Amino acid sequence: MWKRPWEARESTTVPLPNLSDLSSDEEEEVMERVTLGDYGILDNLDEVAQGFQPVNPVFFNINNSVPTALKDNQYSSKEDEDCNIHLTDFLEACNTINPEGVLKSDKRLKLFGYSLKGRAKDWLNALPSGSIAIWDQLKRAFRRCFFPISMYMAKR
């Protein structure tokens, strides 16, 4: 028998039933009990907990001073902050660590999250996992969101 996700005790996720697999009587019973809220329940909590993940995530030891340097100058998209200056500062901080066998692009993708907070961090974590493959894609998406063409025209 189908249960709503919060009624299930065996696991934290219960997929909604595929209506094509049910008889017409079962389908009516399910449709009477399914609410819009049922469709809004997350069924993959692991993906939410991870936040932003590049296409090919790399793993390397991060010196404690690098996240500290990045967190000292975090970008949160406030009006008095400039995303281009933030990117310049971020790249300077990234140049202080050079893990062996790790491409610059991969290193930047891994460290960028440390340099953000607030709305900017929420934006990064809202990107679909695996949607960004290289640093230039992330940089372009970041600028498009936090330095739109209207802002560029206003500064001219």
Protein backbone atom coordinates (compact mmCIF):
# COMPACT_ATOMS: atom_id res chain seq x y z
CA MET A 1 0.00 0.00 0.00
CA TRP A 2 1.30 3.46 -0.89
CA LYS A 3 2.11 5.87 1.98
CA ARG A 4 2.86 9.55 2.05
CA PRO A 5 6.57 10.22 2.64
CA TRP A 6 6.07 11.39 6.22
CA GLU A 7 4.05 8.26 7.00
CA ALA A 8 6.85 5.90 5.98
CA ARG A 9 8.98 4.63 8.83
CA GLU A 10 11.43 2.35 7.04
CA SER A 11 13.26 5.06 5.08
CA THR A 12 13.40 8.82 4.79
CA THR A 13 12.25 8.87 1.18
CA VAL A 14 9.25 7.32 -0.51
CA PRO A 15 8.73 7.97 -4.22
CA LEU A 16 5.28 8.90 -5.39
CA PRO A 17 3.59 6.01 -7.17
CA ASN A 18 3.64 5.68 -10.93
CA LEU A 19 -0.03 5.97 -11.81
CA SER A 20 0.35 3.90 -14.96
CA ASP A 21 1.21 0.87 -12.78
CA LEU A 22 -2.04 1.10 -10.81
CA SER A 23 -5.55 -0.09 -11.59
CA SER A 24 -8.20 2.60 -12.03
CA ASP A 25 -9.57 2.00 -8.50
CA GLU A 26 -6.08 2.21 -6.96
CA GLU A 27 -5.33 5.29 -9.04
CA GLU A 28 -8.44 7.07 -7.72
CA GLU A 29 -7.52 6.16 -4.14
CA VAL A 30 -3.99 7.50 -4.54
CA MET A 31 -5.11 10.68 -6.28
CA GLU A 32 -7.55 11.40 -3.45
CA ARG A 33 -4.69 11.23 -0.93
CA VAL A 34 -1.88 12.93 -2.91
CA THR A 35 -1.58 16.63 -2.17
CA LEU A 36 0.50 19.32 -3.82
CA GLY A 37 2.77 19.24 -0.77
CA ASP A 38 3.60 15.61 -1.55
CA TYR A 39 5.25 16.70 -4.79
CA GLY A 40 7.38 19.30 -3.00
CA ILE A 41 9.05 16.82 -0.69
CA LEU A 42 12.68 16.17 -1.56
CA ASP A 43 13.40 12.58 -2.43
CA ASN A 44 17.19 12.83 -2.64
CA LEU A 45 18.51 14.42 0.53
CA ASP A 46 22.14 13.54 -0.32
CA GLU A 47 22.09 15.89 -3.31
CA VAL A 48 20.74 18.75 -1.21
CA ALA A 49 23.36 18.27 1.49
CA GLN A 50 26.21 18.43 -1.02
CA GLY A 51 25.29 21.76 -2.56
CA PHE A 52 27.26 22.75 -5.65
CA GLN A 53 29.27 19.94 -7.21
CA PRO A 54 31.21 20.35 -10.48
CA VAL A 55 31.05 17.72 -13.22
CA ASN A 56 34.36 16.16 -12.14
CA PRO A 57 34.97 17.05 -8.49
CA VAL A 58 38.57 16.77 -7.33
CA PHE A 59 39.82 16.06 -3.85
CA PHE A 60 42.97 17.50 -2.35
CA ASN A 61 44.19 18.70 1.02
CA ILE A 62 43.48 22.34 1.62
CA ASN A 63 45.93 24.29 3.74
CA ASN A 64 44.07 25.89 6.67
CA SER A 65 45.29 29.34 5.70
CA VAL A 66 43.53 29.23 2.30
CA PRO A 67 39.94 28.88 3.56
CA THR A 68 40.75 31.48 6.22
CA ALA A 69 42.00 33.91 3.56
CA LEU A 70 38.91 33.26 1.45
CA LYS A 71 36.52 33.61 4.39
CA ASP A 72 38.11 36.90 5.41
CA ASN A 73 37.01 38.36 2.08
CA GLN A 74 33.68 36.64 1.40
CA TYR A 75 31.26 37.98 -1.19
CA SER A 76 27.59 38.21 -0.25
CA SER A 77 26.17 40.33 -3.11
CA LYS A 78 25.57 43.46 -1.06
CA GLU A 79 25.21 46.73 -2.98
CA ASP A 80 28.63 48.01 -1.90
CA GLU A 81 30.42 44.85 -3.10
CA ASP A 82 31.83 44.38 -6.59
CA CYS A 83 31.86 40.83 -7.92
CA ASN A 84 34.77 41.60 -10.27
CA ILE A 85 36.96 42.76 -7.40
CA HIS A 86 35.91 39.67 -5.48
CA LEU A 87 36.97 37.44 -8.39
CA THR A 88 40.38 39.16 -8.52
CA ASP A 89 40.87 38.68 -4.77
CA PHE A 90 39.70 35.09 -5.05
CA LEU A 91 42.21 34.28 -7.79
CA GLU A 92 45.02 35.83 -5.71
CA ALA A 93 44.10 33.60 -2.77
CA CYS A 94 43.91 30.55 -5.05
CA ASN A 95 47.44 31.19 -6.27
CA THR A 96 48.75 30.51 -2.76
CA ILE A 97 47.94 26.81 -3.07
CA ASN A 98 49.21 24.53 -5.83
CA PRO A 99 48.28 20.90 -5.17
CA GLU A 100 50.22 18.49 -7.32
CA GLY A 101 48.31 17.04 -10.26
CA VAL A 102 45.28 19.34 -9.87
CA LEU A 103 44.34 21.70 -12.69
CA LYS A 104 43.84 25.40 -11.89
CA SER A 105 40.23 25.20 -13.06
CA ASP A 106 39.45 22.26 -10.75
CA LYS A 107 41.18 23.96 -7.82
CA ARG A 108 39.14 27.13 -8.34
CA LEU A 109 35.88 25.19 -8.63
CA LYS A 110 36.59 23.47 -5.32
CA LEU A 111 37.61 26.62 -3.44
CA PHE A 112 35.05 29.11 -4.78
CA GLY A 113 32.36 28.14 -2.28
CA TYR A 114 34.63 29.19 0.60
CA SER A 115 34.69 32.73 -0.78
CA LEU A 116 30.92 33.22 -0.74
CA LYS A 117 28.27 33.80 1.91
CA GLY A 118 24.63 34.82 2.16
CA ARG A 119 22.74 35.22 -1.10
CA ALA A 120 25.83 34.45 -3.19
CA LYS A 121 26.41 31.15 -1.37
CA ASP A 122 22.72 30.28 -1.77
CA TRP A 123 23.04 30.96 -5.50
CA LEU A 124 26.06 28.65 -5.78
CA ASN A 125 24.38 25.86 -3.85
CA ALA A 126 21.26 26.18 -6.01
CA LEU A 127 23.22 25.33 -9.16
CA PRO A 128 22.40 21.79 -10.26
CA SER A 129 25.13 19.28 -9.43
CA GLY A 130 27.21 18.51 -12.50
CA SER A 131 26.06 21.59 -14.42
CA ILE A 132 29.49 23.27 -14.32
CA ALA A 133 32.55 21.58 -15.80
CA ILE A 134 35.24 24.30 -15.83
CA TRP A 135 36.09 27.48 -13.95
CA ASP A 136 35.24 29.78 -16.87
CA GLN A 137 31.65 28.48 -16.88
CA LEU A 138 31.25 29.19 -13.18
CA LYS A 139 32.90 32.61 -13.48
CA ARG A 140 30.59 33.53 -16.38
CA ALA A 141 27.49 32.36 -14.49
CA PHE A 142 28.61 34.27 -11.38
CA ARG A 143 29.12 37.49 -13.33
CA ARG A 144 25.83 37.05 -15.18
CA CYS A 145 24.01 36.78 -11.87
CA PHE A 146 25.85 39.39 -9.80
CA PHE A 147 27.07 41.82 -12.47
CA PRO A 148 24.29 41.95 -15.09
CA ILE A 149 24.62 44.08 -18.22
CA SER A 150 22.37 46.75 -16.67
CA MET A 151 24.91 47.25 -13.89
CA TYR A 152 27.72 47.45 -16.44
CA MET A 153 25.84 50.10 -18.42
CA ALA A 154 25.15 52.10 -15.26
CA LYS A 155 28.87 52.15 -14.36
CA ARG A 156 29.87 53.39 -17.81
